[in-house]
Amino acid sequence: MAALSRTSPIAPEIGLLAELLAQNTTETGLTLPVDRAEWLLERLDLLKRQIANLEHELGAFRVSENGKAVAAVLDDLSLEVMQHGVLEAAASEPRIIYPQFGKGGSSNGKA
């Protein structure tokens, strides 16, 4: 979890916001001067954009992973169909040629 907080684009912003809130909260509640309130709103907007970006990246990753999974299933199915077809064809029409090494012999499959 600590590694995620170091690499997340959101973690530093959350830390700054938490610090601002802690510094400006009293027993009566949160009191901010106008400039700090504007800064807080800017930071919240930045967080909103960063979260939207992460959601887009996650969506692209999920699509990619789903595509890989579908490709693997299709590969397995294709291999199974091809193997079945090849084995069936080999069983129904044996094409084995037996060479005859005698003088004047031909390779016609007959002994």
Protein backbone atom coordinates (compact mmCIF):
# COMPACT_ATOMS: atom_id res chain seq x y z
CA MET A 1 0.00 0.00 0.00
CA ALA A 2 2.91 2.35 0.73
CA ALA A 3 4.30 1.91 -2.79
CA LEU A 4 0.94 2.84 -4.24
CA SER A 5 0.81 6.02 -2.18
CA ARG A 6 4.26 7.00 -3.49
CA THR A 7 3.40 6.42 -7.15
CA SER A 8 -0.21 7.59 -7.20
CA PRO A 9 -0.78 11.03 -8.74
CA ILE A 10 -3.59 11.54 -6.24
CA ALA A 11 -1.81 10.72 -2.98
CA PRO A 12 0.22 13.97 -2.73
CA GLU A 13 -2.88 16.05 -3.40
CA ILE A 14 -4.84 14.22 -0.73
CA GLY A 15 -1.99 14.85 1.72
CA LEU A 16 -2.00 18.59 0.97
CA LEU A 17 -5.76 18.79 1.35
CA ALA A 18 -5.69 16.88 4.63
CA GLU A 19 -3.00 19.21 5.95
CA LEU A 20 -4.98 22.30 4.94
CA LEU A 21 -8.12 20.97 6.59
CA ALA A 22 -6.27 20.01 9.75
CA GLN A 23 -4.69 23.45 10.03
CA ASN A 24 -7.98 25.28 9.56
CA THR A 25 -10.39 23.14 11.58
CA THR A 26 -11.33 24.23 15.04
CA GLU A 27 -13.93 23.07 17.52
CA THR A 28 -16.49 25.22 15.66
CA GLY A 29 -15.67 23.67 12.27
CA LEU A 30 -13.68 24.53 9.16
CA THR A 31 -12.86 28.20 8.66
CA LEU A 32 -10.86 29.24 5.61
CA PRO A 33 -9.85 32.65 4.35
CA VAL A 34 -11.00 33.38 0.79
CA ASP A 35 -7.59 32.72 -0.79
CA ARG A 36 -7.25 29.33 0.96
CA ALA A 37 -10.82 28.39 0.00
CA GLU A 38 -10.06 29.18 -3.66
CA TRP A 39 -6.87 27.12 -3.43
CA LEU A 40 -8.87 24.25 -1.93
CA LEU A 41 -11.38 24.39 -4.79
CA GLU A 42 -8.55 24.40 -7.37
CA ARG A 43 -6.96 21.36 -5.75
CA LEU A 44 -10.30 19.53 -5.64
CA ASP A 45 -10.77 20.26 -9.35
CA LEU A 46 -7.28 18.92 -10.05
CA LEU A 47 -8.13 15.76 -8.11
CA LYS A 48 -11.33 15.35 -10.11
CA ARG A 49 -9.37 15.53 -13.39
CA GLN A 50 -6.70 13.12 -12.16
CA ILE A 51 -9.33 10.60 -11.07
CA ALA A 52 -11.05 10.87 -14.46
CA ASN A 53 -7.69 10.23 -16.16
CA LEU A 54 -7.06 7.17 -13.99
CA GLU A 55 -10.54 5.85 -14.80
CA HIS A 56 -9.82 6.19 -18.53
CA GLU A 57 -6.49 4.39 -18.13
CA LEU A 58 -8.13 1.62 -16.14
CA GLY A 59 -10.84 1.26 -18.79
CA ALA A 60 -8.21 0.96 -21.54
CA PHE A 61 -6.33 -1.63 -19.48
CA ARG A 62 -9.49 -3.67 -18.93
CA VAL A 63 -10.32 -3.60 -22.64
CA SER A 64 -6.80 -4.75 -23.44
CA GLU A 65 -6.97 -7.58 -20.91
CA ASN A 66 -10.39 -8.67 -22.17
CA GLY A 67 -9.04 -8.66 -25.73
CA LYS A 68 -6.14 -10.88 -24.69
CA ALA A 69 -8.52 -13.29 -22.94
CA VAL A 70 -10.82 -13.48 -25.97
CA ALA A 71 -7.82 -14.03 -28.27
CA ALA A 72 -6.60 -16.89 -26.07
CA VAL A 73 -10.01 -18.57 -26.14
CA LEU A 74 -10.23 -18.21 -29.92
CA ASP A 75 -6.69 -19.56 -30.32
CA ASP A 76 -7.55 -22.61 -28.23
CA LEU A 77 -10.79 -23.18 -30.14
CA SER A 78 -9.07 -22.80 -33.51
CA LEU A 79 -6.34 -25.23 -32.50
CA GLU A 80 -8.90 -27.76 -31.32
CA VAL A 81 -10.93 -27.47 -34.54
CA MET A 82 -7.82 -27.72 -36.72
CA GLN A 83 -6.46 -30.71 -34.80
CA HIS A 84 -9.83 -32.47 -35.00
CA GLY A 85 -10.05 -31.79 -38.74
CA VAL A 86 -6.49 -32.95 -39.43
CA LEU A 87 -6.90 -36.11 -37.38
CA GLU A 88 -10.23 -36.89 -39.01
CA ALA A 89 -8.80 -36.41 -42.50
CA ALA A 90 -5.78 -38.57 -41.68
CA ALA A 91 -8.00 -41.37 -40.39
CA SER A 92 -10.32 -41.38 -43.39
CA GLU A 93 -7.66 -41.13 -46.12
CA PRO A 94 -4.35 -42.67 -45.16
CA ARG A 95 -1.66 -41.29 -47.42
CA ILE A 96 1.26 -43.43 -46.37
CA ILE A 97 3.70 -44.33 -49.11
CA TYR A 98 5.81 -47.42 -48.69
CA PRO A 99 8.95 -47.29 -50.80
CA GLN A 100 10.13 -50.38 -52.66
CA PHE A 101 13.86 -50.46 -52.95
CA GLY A 102 13.97 -53.44 -55.26
CA LYS A 103 15.11 -53.15 -58.87
CA GLY A 104 12.53 -51.22 -60.90
CA GLY A 105 10.16 -50.89 -57.94
CA SER A 106 7.66 -48.05 -57.65
CA SER A 107 6.27 -46.24 -54.64
CA ASN A 108 2.57 -46.77 -55.16
CA GLY A 109 1.63 -47.81 -51.64
CA LYS A 110 1.34 -51.54 -52.46
CA ALA A 111 3.67 -54.10 -50.98
